[in-house]
Protein backbone atom coordinates (compact mmCIF):
# COMPACT_ATOMS: atom_id res chain seq x y z
CA MET A 1 0.00 0.00 0.00
CA ALA A 2 2.84 2.40 0.85
CA ALA A 3 4.39 1.79 -2.54
CA ALA A 4 1.07 2.40 -4.28
CA LEU A 5 0.73 5.81 -2.64
CA ALA A 6 4.36 6.92 -2.92
CA PRO A 7 4.92 10.17 -4.88
CA MET A 8 6.03 9.58 -8.44
CA ALA A 9 7.38 11.98 -11.05
CA VAL A 10 5.18 12.05 -14.14
CA GLY A 11 6.78 10.47 -17.17
CA THR A 12 9.82 8.97 -15.42
CA ARG A 13 8.58 5.44 -14.82
CA PRO A 14 10.29 3.12 -17.32
CA ALA A 15 8.20 0.59 -19.22
CA MET A 16 10.51 -2.31 -18.34
CA ALA A 17 10.37 -4.53 -15.26
CA GLN A 18 7.06 -6.17 -14.48
CA PRO A 19 5.61 -4.67 -11.27
CA ALA A 20 5.04 -6.92 -8.29
CA SER A 21 1.30 -6.26 -8.62
CA LEU A 22 1.38 -8.15 -11.94
CA ALA A 23 3.75 -10.95 -10.93
CA GLY A 24 2.85 -14.23 -12.60
CA ARG A 25 0.31 -12.67 -14.99
CA ASP A 26 0.62 -13.51 -18.70
CA LEU A 27 -0.08 -10.01 -19.94
CA LEU A 28 -0.24 -11.12 -23.54
CA ARG A 29 -3.38 -13.05 -22.59
CA ASP A 30 -4.75 -10.91 -19.74
CA LYS A 31 -3.87 -7.22 -19.62
CA ARG A 32 -6.58 -6.10 -17.21
CA PRO A 33 -5.41 -3.11 -15.18
CA VAL A 34 -4.41 -3.32 -11.56
CA LEU A 35 -7.12 -1.68 -9.44
CA HIS A 36 -5.05 -0.01 -6.74
CA GLU A 37 -6.48 0.42 -3.28
CA ALA A 38 -7.38 4.12 -2.80
CA GLY A 39 -6.57 4.66 -6.47
CA THR A 40 -8.51 6.19 -9.34
CA LEU A 41 -11.95 4.66 -9.90
CA PHE A 42 -12.29 2.31 -12.85
CA GLY A 43 -15.09 1.61 -15.32
CA ALA A 44 -15.44 0.07 -18.76
CA TYR A 45 -17.18 -0.05 -22.07
CA ASP A 46 -17.48 -3.83 -21.96
CA PRO A 47 -19.79 -5.20 -24.65
CA TYR A 48 -18.65 -8.80 -24.20
CA GLY A 49 -18.73 -8.92 -20.40
CA ASP A 50 -15.05 -9.39 -19.59
CA PHE A 51 -15.64 -7.35 -16.42
CA SER A 52 -19.12 -8.69 -15.67
CA GLU A 53 -18.05 -10.48 -12.49
CA ASP A 54 -15.78 -7.73 -11.16
CA ASP A 55 -17.57 -5.91 -8.35
CA ARG A 56 -14.94 -3.15 -8.23
CA LEU A 57 -16.05 -1.37 -11.40
CA ALA A 58 -17.68 2.00 -10.75
CA THR A 59 -19.16 2.78 -14.18
CA GLU A 60 -20.68 1.00 -17.17
CA HIS A 61 -20.14 2.84 -20.48
CA LEU A 62 -22.64 2.69 -23.34
CA PHE A 63 -22.22 4.09 -26.86
CA LEU A 64 -25.37 5.06 -28.77
CA PRO A 65 -25.74 6.61 -32.22
CA TRP A 66 -28.78 8.83 -32.53
CA GLU A 67 -29.71 7.58 -36.00
CA ASP A 68 -31.01 4.10 -36.84
CA ILE A 69 -31.07 2.69 -33.33
CA GLU A 70 -33.49 0.40 -31.52
CA LEU A 71 -34.03 1.85 -28.05
CA GLY A 72 -36.52 -0.63 -26.66
CA GLY A 73 -34.01 -2.87 -24.90
CA LEU A 74 -32.01 -0.24 -23.06
CA GLY A 75 -33.64 -1.07 -19.73
CA VAL A 76 -31.51 -4.22 -19.63
CA ALA A 77 -28.41 -2.03 -19.35
CA ASP A 78 -29.87 -0.26 -16.32
CA GLU A 79 -30.70 -3.55 -14.65
CA TYR A 80 -27.19 -4.88 -15.38
CA ALA A 81 -25.55 -1.77 -13.90
CA ARG A 82 -27.81 -1.67 -10.83
CA GLU A 83 -27.11 -5.30 -10.01
CA ARG A 84 -23.42 -4.42 -9.93
CA GLY A 85 -23.70 -1.03 -8.22
CA ARG A 86 -22.41 0.92 -11.22
CA LYS A 87 -23.14 4.32 -12.68
CA ILE A 88 -23.88 4.56 -16.42
CA LEU A 89 -21.97 6.80 -18.79
CA ILE A 90 -23.81 7.20 -22.11
CA THR A 91 -21.91 8.51 -25.12
CA ILE A 92 -24.41 9.83 -27.68
CA GLU A 93 -22.86 10.08 -31.13
CA PRO A 94 -24.83 12.37 -33.49
CA TRP A 95 -24.79 10.12 -36.54
CA SER A 96 -25.49 6.59 -37.74
CA TRP A 97 -23.01 3.75 -37.27
CA ALA A 98 -23.78 2.78 -40.86
CA LEU A 99 -21.28 5.38 -42.02
CA ASP A 100 -22.42 5.47 -45.64
CA TRP A 101 -25.85 6.64 -44.43
CA ASN A 102 -24.50 9.81 -42.82
CA VAL A 103 -24.87 13.36 -44.03
CA SER A 104 -21.85 15.60 -44.58
CA GLU A 105 -20.15 17.55 -41.82
CA ALA A 106 -21.74 20.79 -43.06
CA GLU A 107 -25.21 19.24 -43.33
CA LEU A 108 -24.99 17.75 -39.84
CA ARG A 109 -23.98 21.11 -38.40
CA GLU A 110 -26.90 22.88 -40.01
CA LEU A 111 -29.37 20.18 -38.96
CA VAL A 112 -28.24 20.30 -35.34
CA LEU A 113 -28.08 24.08 -35.10
CA GLY A 114 -31.44 24.39 -36.81
CA GLY A 115 -33.12 22.11 -34.28
CA PHE A 116 -33.82 19.36 -36.82
CA ARG A 117 -32.04 16.76 -34.68
CA ASP A 118 -33.52 17.73 -31.32
CA GLU A 119 -35.93 14.82 -31.48
CA ASN A 120 -33.05 12.39 -32.01
CA MET A 121 -31.59 13.53 -28.72
CA ARG A 122 -34.96 13.54 -26.99
CA SER A 123 -35.78 10.01 -28.11
CA ILE A 124 -32.66 8.63 -26.44
CA LEU A 125 -33.20 10.64 -23.27
CA ARG A 126 -36.81 9.44 -23.07
CA ALA A 127 -35.57 5.85 -23.37
CA VAL A 128 -33.25 6.26 -20.37
CA ALA A 129 -35.42 8.58 -18.27
CA GLY A 130 -36.60 5.69 -16.13
CA PHE A 131 -33.11 4.43 -15.33
CA ARG A 132 -32.41 4.07 -11.63
CA SER A 133 -28.64 4.02 -12.09
CA PRO A 134 -26.89 7.40 -11.86
CA LEU A 135 -26.41 8.79 -15.38
CA ILE A 136 -23.69 10.80 -17.11
CA ILE A 137 -24.43 12.04 -20.65
CA ARG A 138 -21.51 12.59 -23.04
CA TRP A 139 -22.38 14.15 -26.40
CA ALA A 140 -20.22 14.45 -29.54
CA GLN A 141 -16.78 13.63 -28.16
CA GLU A 142 -13.31 14.57 -29.45
CA MET A 143 -14.62 17.64 -31.24
CA GLU A 144 -11.22 19.33 -31.53
CA SER A 145 -9.39 16.38 -33.11
CA THR A 146 -8.11 16.71 -36.68
CA THR A 147 -8.31 13.01 -37.54
CA GLY A 148 -11.53 13.38 -39.54
CA ARG A 149 -12.96 10.38 -37.73
CA PHE A 150 -16.20 12.08 -36.73
CA SER A 151 -18.42 14.41 -38.75
CA TRP A 152 -18.71 16.81 -35.79
CA GLN A 153 -14.97 17.40 -35.57
CA ASN A 154 -13.41 20.71 -36.49
CA TRP A 155 -16.59 22.72 -36.68
CA ALA A 156 -16.04 26.38 -35.97
CA PRO A 157 -15.77 26.54 -32.17
CA ALA A 158 -18.77 28.86 -31.87
CA ASP A 159 -20.91 26.39 -33.84
CA TYR A 160 -19.86 23.41 -31.74
CA ILE A 161 -20.45 25.33 -28.52
CA GLU A 162 -23.92 26.36 -29.68
CA ALA A 163 -24.72 22.74 -30.62
CA TYR A 164 -23.37 21.34 -27.36
CA ARG A 165 -25.28 23.87 -25.29
CA ARG A 166 -28.44 23.05 -27.21
CA MET A 167 -28.08 19.36 -26.37
CA ALA A 168 -27.13 20.21 -22.79
CA ALA A 169 -30.30 22.27 -22.38
CA ILE A 170 -32.40 19.36 -23.60
CA THR A 171 -30.63 17.05 -21.18
CA ARG A 172 -31.06 19.43 -18.23
CA GLU A 173 -34.77 19.67 -19.08
CA MET A 174 -35.42 15.95 -19.48
CA LEU A 175 -32.89 14.43 -17.07
CA PRO A 176 -32.25 17.07 -14.40
CA GLU A 177 -30.39 14.60 -12.18
CA ALA A 178 -27.96 13.51 -14.91
CA GLN A 179 -24.46 14.90 -15.14
CA LEU A 180 -23.05 16.33 -18.36
CA MET A 181 -19.63 15.32 -19.63
CA TRP A 182 -17.79 17.53 -22.11
CA SER A 183 -15.23 15.27 -23.73
CA PRO A 184 -12.39 16.60 -25.89
CA LYS A 185 -9.63 14.31 -27.08
CA GLY A 186 -6.95 16.26 -25.26
CA GLU A 187 -5.38 18.31 -28.06
CA PRO A 188 -4.41 21.99 -27.71
CA ALA A 189 -7.38 23.26 -29.74
CA LEU A 190 -9.78 22.00 -27.06
CA VAL A 191 -9.57 25.33 -25.24
CA ASP A 192 -11.53 26.95 -28.07
CA TYR A 193 -14.40 24.48 -27.65
CA TYR A 194 -15.12 24.78 -23.94
CA PRO A 195 -18.89 25.40 -23.72
CA GLY A 196 -19.09 26.97 -20.26
CA ASP A 197 -19.10 25.96 -16.62
CA ASP A 198 -22.90 25.79 -16.43
CA VAL A 199 -23.11 22.92 -18.95
CA VAL A 200 -20.08 20.89 -17.88
CA ASP A 201 -20.13 18.72 -14.77
CA ILE A 202 -17.25 16.43 -15.76
CA VAL A 203 -14.42 16.72 -18.30
CA GLY A 204 -13.70 13.47 -20.16
CA LEU A 205 -10.45 12.86 -22.08
CA SER A 206 -9.35 10.08 -24.44
CA VAL A 207 -6.04 8.34 -23.69
CA PHE A 208 -4.82 5.42 -25.79
CA GLY A 209 -1.37 3.88 -25.73
CA LEU A 210 -0.06 1.89 -28.69
CA ASP A 211 3.53 0.66 -28.42
CA GLU A 212 4.23 0.70 -32.17
CA TYR A 213 2.79 4.19 -32.58
CA ASP A 214 4.91 5.56 -29.72
CA GLU A 215 8.07 4.17 -31.30
CA ILE A 216 7.31 5.89 -34.61
CA GLU A 217 5.87 9.15 -33.30
CA TYR A 218 7.97 9.72 -30.17
CA GLY A 219 11.02 7.50 -30.60
CA GLY A 220 10.13 5.22 -27.69
CA PRO A 221 7.36 4.06 -25.37
CA ARG A 222 5.25 6.59 -23.51
CA SER A 223 3.72 5.95 -20.12
CA PHE A 224 0.10 6.46 -19.18
CA ALA A 225 1.08 9.60 -17.28
CA GLU A 226 2.93 11.05 -20.26
CA SER A 227 -0.03 10.35 -22.52
CA LEU A 228 -2.50 11.97 -20.12
CA GLN A 229 -0.39 15.00 -19.21
CA GLN A 230 -1.28 17.36 -22.07
CA GLY A 231 -5.05 16.91 -21.88
CA TYR A 232 -5.01 17.10 -18.10
CA ASP A 233 -2.96 20.30 -18.04
CA LEU A 234 -5.25 21.93 -20.61
CA THR A 235 -8.45 21.15 -18.69
CA VAL A 236 -7.62 21.13 -14.98
CA GLY A 237 -8.08 24.90 -14.81
CA TYR A 238 -11.80 24.54 -15.48
CA GLY A 239 -12.21 23.25 -11.93
CA LYS A 240 -14.20 20.18 -12.98
CA PRO A 241 -13.58 16.53 -12.11
CA ILE A 242 -11.53 14.90 -14.87
CA TRP A 243 -12.13 11.41 -16.21
CA VAL A 244 -10.43 9.41 -18.91
CA ALA A 245 -13.63 8.61 -20.74
CA GLU A 246 -11.91 6.28 -23.20
CA LEU A 247 -8.78 4.33 -22.33
CA GLY A 248 -6.90 1.56 -24.09
CA TYR A 249 -3.40 0.16 -24.38
CA GLU A 250 -1.68 -2.42 -26.54
CA GLY A 251 1.87 -3.51 -27.20
CA ALA A 252 4.71 -5.73 -26.04
CA GLU A 253 4.68 -7.17 -22.53
CA PRO A 254 6.81 -4.46 -20.84
CA TYR A 255 4.58 -1.77 -22.31
CA LEU A 256 1.45 -3.55 -21.13
CA ALA A 257 2.92 -3.97 -17.65
CA SER A 258 3.60 -0.25 -17.32
CA TRP A 259 0.13 0.80 -18.43
CA ALA A 260 -1.76 -1.92 -16.57
CA ASP A 261 -0.06 -0.96 -13.32
CA ASP A 262 -0.44 2.79 -13.75
CA VAL A 263 -3.92 3.63 -15.02
CA THR A 264 -5.59 3.55 -11.59
CA ARG A 265 -2.48 4.49 -9.62
CA PRO A 266 -2.88 7.75 -7.65
CA PHE A 267 -0.49 10.37 -9.07
CA ASP A 268 0.30 13.54 -7.15
CA ALA A 269 0.31 15.39 -10.48
CA PHE A 270 -3.27 14.32 -11.31
CA THR A 271 -5.22 15.21 -8.19
CA GLU A 272 -8.41 15.97 -10.16
CA LEU A 273 -8.41 12.68 -12.08
CA ARG A 274 -11.36 10.79 -10.64
CA GLU A 275 -12.07 7.86 -12.95
CA VAL A 276 -10.74 5.99 -15.99
CA ILE A 277 -13.05 4.10 -18.36
CA TYR A 278 -11.55 1.30 -20.43
CA PHE A 279 -12.64 0.82 -24.07
CA ASN A 280 -12.74 -2.98 -24.06
CA ASP A 281 -13.06 -3.68 -27.76
CA GLN A 282 -11.10 -3.57 -30.97
CA GLU A 283 -10.40 -0.14 -32.44
CA VAL A 284 -12.96 1.07 -34.96
CA HIS A 285 -10.86 3.63 -36.87
CA PRO A 286 -7.48 2.91 -38.53
CA TRP A 287 -4.45 4.32 -36.77
CA PRO A 288 -1.75 6.32 -38.59
CA TYR A 289 1.35 4.73 -40.11
CA ASP A 290 -0.70 1.77 -41.38
CA LEU A 291 -1.03 0.40 -37.85
CA GLY A 292 -4.56 -0.81 -38.54
CA LEU A 293 -7.14 -1.46 -35.84
CA PRO A 294 -5.43 -2.13 -32.49
CA ASN A 295 -7.08 -4.68 -30.26
CA TRP A 296 -7.67 -2.93 -26.93
CA ARG A 297 -9.59 -5.88 -25.51
CA VAL A 298 -8.15 -7.04 -22.20
CA MET A 299 -8.61 -10.81 -22.60
CA ARG A 300 -6.72 -12.65 -25.34
CA ASP A 301 -8.11 -16.15 -24.76
CA ARG A 302 -11.64 -15.18 -25.71
CA PRO A 303 -13.03 -14.79 -29.21
CA ILE A 304 -12.53 -11.52 -31.07
CA TYR A 305 -15.99 -10.30 -31.98
CA PRO A 306 -16.82 -7.91 -34.81
CA VAL A 307 -16.18 -4.27 -34.12
CA ARG A 308 -19.29 -2.26 -33.27
CA ARG A 309 -19.36 -0.49 -36.63
């Protein structure tokens, strides 16, 4: 316990020796993170139930598109979370997961700002209004990223802020007890997209570690702390609790050992980091440098299921 709480300099922990907390674990088959006592809370997007029997998880993460979705069975998710004492984080993506059905970036912006997608938002909120689990609503994440992955990225900041505040107002009206998560990726441009203290209860960042990518982009492996640092520094001044809303790591065994041991470790430099949420699935968007779709899933001895879109 003393070792788990000892002060540690951000970015100085080498990704080499396997920590004692992981001794005997075959990380190439099971890279589940260490859940440190008194450490950061942990949750997961876990569509295949790898964490279903773990009573230490604080949050269940759901992803929902607001086009072409069947909402009738969502009550099962509430029952599942309540049985396990978990909160529910719902990411609402303002498009269809059938990507060839989507409108252009410009069309989506005009539809949202013009109120023509209000009912899409309302239909999802109506479907979860009866949930008894505590709810956090996360709308249109990673807005400042330049990857082109989402059709709501790189809107003019004023347009995104207007759209976010519109959806926040609907959420406050329909689900007054729910918390709102504003969720940039963690890039410098995020400061232009902050929608205001009154519509942000939690800041959510995205932190993914891929060994091969680090070697190409940075010349060597980066730790969890190094990968989180920029986004944390850019958002801690807002005075909101900070979560890692999407987390994943993949690589060689030493790399996995470093990340698995660190993601819930309490760091003196990250006093406002409250929770990390693992994305327990295969990547859905190709990584740069022809690195394909990394498999973030924590268990290797279970079947790889199709990606969610």
